[in-house]
Amino acid sequence: MKIYISNYRNHWISPYTILKKICFWEKDEDRIYNIKDDPNNPYKKWVNFLNPICKVLQNILDFIHPQIRYVKIDRWDTWSMDHTLAHIIYPMLVQLNETKHGSPFVDDEDVPDEIKSTNAEPKENEWDTDSNHFKRWDYVLVEMIWTFEQEIKDDDESQFFDHSEALGLPFEQTLDKVKVDHEGLEAHQKRKANGFRLFGRYYQNLWD
């Protein structure tokens, strides 16, 4: 697998921005930006003249300098696709958690009782977010990060198997000697399943 995705391109050019630079003597910027409110505004004809030019320049720049999205999938990448994708998803979730600037709405049914909206402090206004709003998204992100961190390991469930009494014994005699923490293993698997569920449910909220 080879992936290269460049930064977003910003080729937007505004006639107002150009006029602001050219007409450096104009102290009142509202005269440039609010031409619709004044039919006698001297800059109106220049905005109308520059607007199609700006659109053409933007189209040219979009053509010669597009955002690069290169993805090459090798046949072995899908042998264990869930494991392959986990190596990409995990570091992205970690970075999102470190750089996020907001939080989407998270349903109470997806979080522990102590951070549900019903257990939040009273809101001053009905339209305000409750005091647990950001905590719920933090919880969801932490659970997804933990889940994909386990997924990229080759032995995330080995901690629940004790092979100490089976060492040195023939294979056919080891099955009865291996001790399994069934309760811990089940809890581990349930937490991973819930993390994958949360990832699917809030996939479209993975933005910064």
Protein backbone atom coordinates (compact mmCIF):
# COMPACT_ATOMS: atom_id res chain seq x y z
CA MET A 1 0.00 0.00 0.00
CA LYS A 2 1.16 3.50 -0.84
CA ILE A 3 -0.82 6.59 0.12
CA TYR A 4 -0.04 10.22 -0.51
CA ILE A 5 -2.62 12.93 0.15
CA SER A 6 -1.42 16.51 -0.04
CA ASN A 7 -2.71 19.46 1.93
CA TYR A 8 -5.92 21.14 0.78
CA ARG A 9 -5.45 23.71 -1.97
CA ASN A 10 -6.86 27.19 -1.53
CA HIS A 11 -7.03 29.00 -4.87
CA TRP A 12 -9.92 31.31 -4.01
CA ILE A 13 -9.29 34.83 -5.28
CA SER A 14 -11.61 37.68 -4.39
CA PRO A 15 -11.96 40.93 -6.36
CA TYR A 16 -12.51 42.66 -3.05
CA THR A 17 -9.17 41.44 -1.73
CA ILE A 18 -7.42 42.66 -4.90
CA LEU A 19 -9.04 46.09 -4.63
CA LYS A 20 -8.11 46.33 -1.00
CA LYS A 21 -4.44 45.82 -1.95
CA ILE A 22 -4.50 48.14 -4.93
CA CYS A 23 -6.53 50.91 -3.33
CA PHE A 24 -4.23 51.29 -0.37
CA TRP A 25 -5.32 54.88 0.09
CA GLU A 26 -8.90 53.86 0.88
CA LYS A 27 -9.27 54.07 4.64
CA ASP A 28 -12.91 53.00 4.72
CA GLU A 29 -12.83 49.28 3.82
CA ASP A 30 -16.63 49.12 3.96
CA ARG A 31 -16.77 51.12 0.73
CA ILE A 32 -15.06 48.21 -0.99
CA TYR A 33 -16.82 45.31 0.70
CA ASN A 34 -20.35 46.77 0.75
CA ILE A 35 -20.81 47.92 -2.82
CA LYS A 36 -24.31 46.39 -3.01
CA ASP A 37 -25.58 48.87 -0.45
CA ASP A 38 -24.41 51.86 -2.50
CA PRO A 39 -25.33 51.95 -6.20
CA ASN A 40 -23.00 54.91 -6.72
CA ASN A 41 -20.01 53.18 -5.21
CA PRO A 42 -16.97 53.85 -7.45
CA TYR A 43 -15.59 50.36 -6.83
CA LYS A 44 -18.67 48.54 -8.09
CA LYS A 45 -17.59 48.53 -11.76
CA TRP A 46 -14.14 47.24 -10.77
CA VAL A 47 -15.63 44.38 -8.78
CA ASN A 48 -17.82 43.45 -11.75
CA PHE A 49 -14.77 43.62 -14.03
CA LEU A 50 -12.48 41.58 -11.75
CA ASN A 51 -15.00 38.92 -10.73
CA PRO A 52 -14.88 36.81 -13.95
CA ILE A 53 -11.10 37.25 -14.11
CA CYS A 54 -10.78 35.86 -10.59
CA LYS A 55 -12.93 32.85 -11.49
CA VAL A 56 -10.78 32.08 -14.54
CA LEU A 57 -7.59 32.36 -12.49
CA GLN A 58 -9.03 30.07 -9.85
CA ASN A 59 -9.98 27.45 -12.46
CA ILE A 60 -6.49 27.63 -13.98
CA LEU A 61 -4.81 27.19 -10.59
CA ASP A 62 -7.17 24.32 -9.72
CA PHE A 63 -6.15 22.61 -12.97
CA ILE A 64 -2.37 23.06 -12.78
CA HIS A 65 -2.09 22.65 -9.00
CA PRO A 66 -4.80 20.24 -7.82
CA GLN A 67 -4.81 18.48 -4.49
CA ILE A 68 -2.92 15.21 -4.79
CA ARG A 69 -4.73 12.04 -3.79
CA TYR A 70 -2.64 8.99 -4.64
CA VAL A 71 -3.63 5.59 -3.28
CA LYS A 72 -2.09 2.31 -4.46
CA ILE A 73 -3.47 -0.91 -3.00
CA ASP A 74 -1.38 -4.07 -3.19
CA ARG A 75 -3.06 -7.48 -3.22
CA TRP A 76 -1.69 -8.38 0.22
CA ASP A 77 -3.27 -5.31 1.78
CA THR A 78 -6.63 -7.07 1.80
CA TRP A 79 -5.44 -10.37 3.22
CA SER A 80 -6.22 -8.91 6.64
CA MET A 81 -7.83 -5.64 5.69
CA ASP A 82 -9.10 -4.88 9.20
CA HIS A 83 -5.57 -5.14 10.58
CA THR A 84 -4.10 -3.11 7.68
CA LEU A 85 -6.55 -0.25 8.08
CA ALA A 86 -6.03 -0.19 11.85
CA HIS A 87 -2.42 0.91 11.31
CA ILE A 88 -3.72 3.98 9.47
CA ILE A 89 -6.77 4.73 11.61
CA TYR A 90 -5.00 4.52 14.97
CA PRO A 91 -2.44 7.34 14.48
CA MET A 92 -5.10 9.52 12.84
CA LEU A 93 -7.39 9.12 15.85
CA VAL A 94 -4.49 9.96 18.19
CA GLN A 95 -3.74 13.14 16.25
CA LEU A 96 -7.41 14.11 16.09
CA ASN A 97 -7.67 13.72 19.84
CA GLU A 98 -4.68 16.01 20.32
CA THR A 99 -5.72 18.72 17.84
CA LYS A 100 -9.53 18.75 17.89
CA HIS A 101 -11.20 22.14 18.19
CA GLY A 102 -14.75 21.05 18.95
CA SER A 103 -17.06 18.19 19.77
CA PRO A 104 -20.10 16.73 18.01
CA PHE A 105 -23.21 15.63 19.85
CA VAL A 106 -22.81 12.21 21.44
CA ASP A 107 -25.85 10.23 22.54
CA ASP A 108 -26.20 9.43 26.23
CA GLU A 109 -26.68 5.75 25.43
CA ASP A 110 -23.06 5.58 24.21
CA VAL A 111 -21.36 6.85 27.37
CA PRO A 112 -21.17 5.96 31.09
CA ASP A 113 -23.82 7.34 33.43
CA GLU A 114 -21.56 9.90 35.08
CA ILE A 115 -21.06 11.92 31.86
CA LYS A 116 -24.56 11.68 30.43
CA SER A 117 -26.44 14.91 29.82
CA THR A 118 -28.93 13.90 32.51
CA ASN A 119 -26.11 14.07 35.08
CA ALA A 120 -24.73 17.40 33.89
CA GLU A 121 -24.94 20.67 35.79
CA PRO A 122 -28.03 22.80 35.11
CA LYS A 123 -27.69 24.90 31.94
CA GLU A 124 -28.02 28.67 32.07
CA ASN A 125 -29.80 28.71 28.71
CA GLU A 126 -31.70 25.95 26.93
CA TRP A 127 -29.53 26.30 23.81
CA ASP A 128 -26.25 25.93 25.73
CA THR A 129 -24.27 22.69 25.59
CA ASP A 130 -24.29 20.86 28.90
CA SER A 131 -21.22 20.58 31.14
CA ASN A 132 -20.59 16.98 29.98
CA HIS A 133 -20.84 17.70 26.25
CA PHE A 134 -17.08 17.66 25.58
CA LYS A 135 -16.48 14.84 28.06
CA ARG A 136 -18.73 12.54 26.05
CA TRP A 137 -16.72 13.08 22.86
CA ASP A 138 -13.46 12.65 24.79
CA TYR A 139 -14.78 9.31 26.05
CA VAL A 140 -15.75 8.14 22.55
CA LEU A 141 -12.35 9.10 21.12
CA VAL A 142 -10.47 7.35 23.93
CA GLU A 143 -12.49 4.18 23.39
CA MET A 144 -11.86 4.22 19.64
CA ILE A 145 -8.15 4.87 20.14
CA TRP A 146 -7.87 2.02 22.65
CA THR A 147 -9.74 -0.32 20.29
CA PHE A 148 -7.53 0.32 17.27
CA GLU A 149 -4.42 0.20 19.43
CA GLN A 150 -5.43 -3.33 20.43
CA GLU A 151 -6.23 -4.22 16.83
CA ILE A 152 -2.73 -3.43 15.56
CA LYS A 153 -1.22 -5.77 18.14
CA ASP A 154 -0.64 -9.39 17.19
CA ASP A 155 -1.26 -10.68 20.70
CA ASP A 156 -3.71 -8.33 22.40
CA GLU A 157 -5.56 -11.31 23.94
CA SER A 158 -2.48 -13.21 25.11
CA GLN A 159 -2.72 -11.58 28.53
CA PHE A 160 -5.77 -13.73 29.27
CA PHE A 161 -3.98 -17.06 28.65
CA ASP A 162 -1.57 -18.64 31.14
CA HIS A 163 0.69 -21.26 29.50
CA SER A 164 3.07 -21.66 32.45
CA GLU A 165 1.88 -25.17 33.38
CA ALA A 166 1.96 -26.31 29.74
CA LEU A 167 5.61 -25.48 29.07
CA GLY A 168 7.64 -28.48 27.91
CA LEU A 169 4.61 -30.74 27.51
CA PRO A 170 3.59 -32.42 24.25
CA PHE A 171 0.98 -30.45 22.33
CA GLU A 172 -1.81 -32.93 22.98
CA GLN A 173 -1.31 -32.50 26.74
CA THR A 174 -1.25 -28.70 26.78
CA LEU A 175 -4.94 -28.00 26.23
CA ASP A 176 -5.95 -28.98 29.75
CA LYS A 177 -3.02 -27.10 31.27
CA VAL A 178 -3.66 -23.70 29.70
CA LYS A 179 -5.56 -21.41 32.06
CA VAL A 180 -7.91 -18.91 30.48
CA ASP A 181 -9.33 -15.80 32.11
CA HIS A 182 -12.70 -16.13 30.43
CA GLU A 183 -14.22 -13.17 32.26
CA GLY A 184 -11.36 -10.85 31.37
CA LEU A 185 -11.26 -12.09 27.78
CA GLU A 186 -14.99 -11.53 27.33
CA ALA A 187 -14.76 -7.99 28.77
CA HIS A 188 -11.82 -7.24 26.47
CA GLN A 189 -13.68 -8.46 23.40
CA LYS A 190 -16.83 -6.54 24.34
CA ARG A 191 -14.88 -3.31 24.77
CA LYS A 192 -13.26 -3.76 21.35
CA ALA A 193 -16.61 -4.49 19.75
CA ASN A 194 -18.05 -1.36 21.32
CA GLY A 195 -15.09 0.71 20.10
CA PHE A 196 -15.66 -0.50 16.54
CA ARG A 197 -19.36 0.26 16.92
CA LEU A 198 -18.60 3.81 18.09
CA PHE A 199 -16.20 4.28 15.18
CA GLY A 200 -18.94 3.37 12.72
CA ARG A 201 -21.58 5.42 14.46
CA TYR A 202 -19.52 8.60 14.72
CA TYR A 203 -17.46 8.15 11.55
CA GLN A 204 -18.85 11.34 9.97
CA ASN A 205 -17.91 13.29 13.10
CA LEU A 206 -14.19 12.58 12.70
CA TRP A 207 -13.25 16.14 11.84
CA ASP A 208 -10.97 18.75 13.34
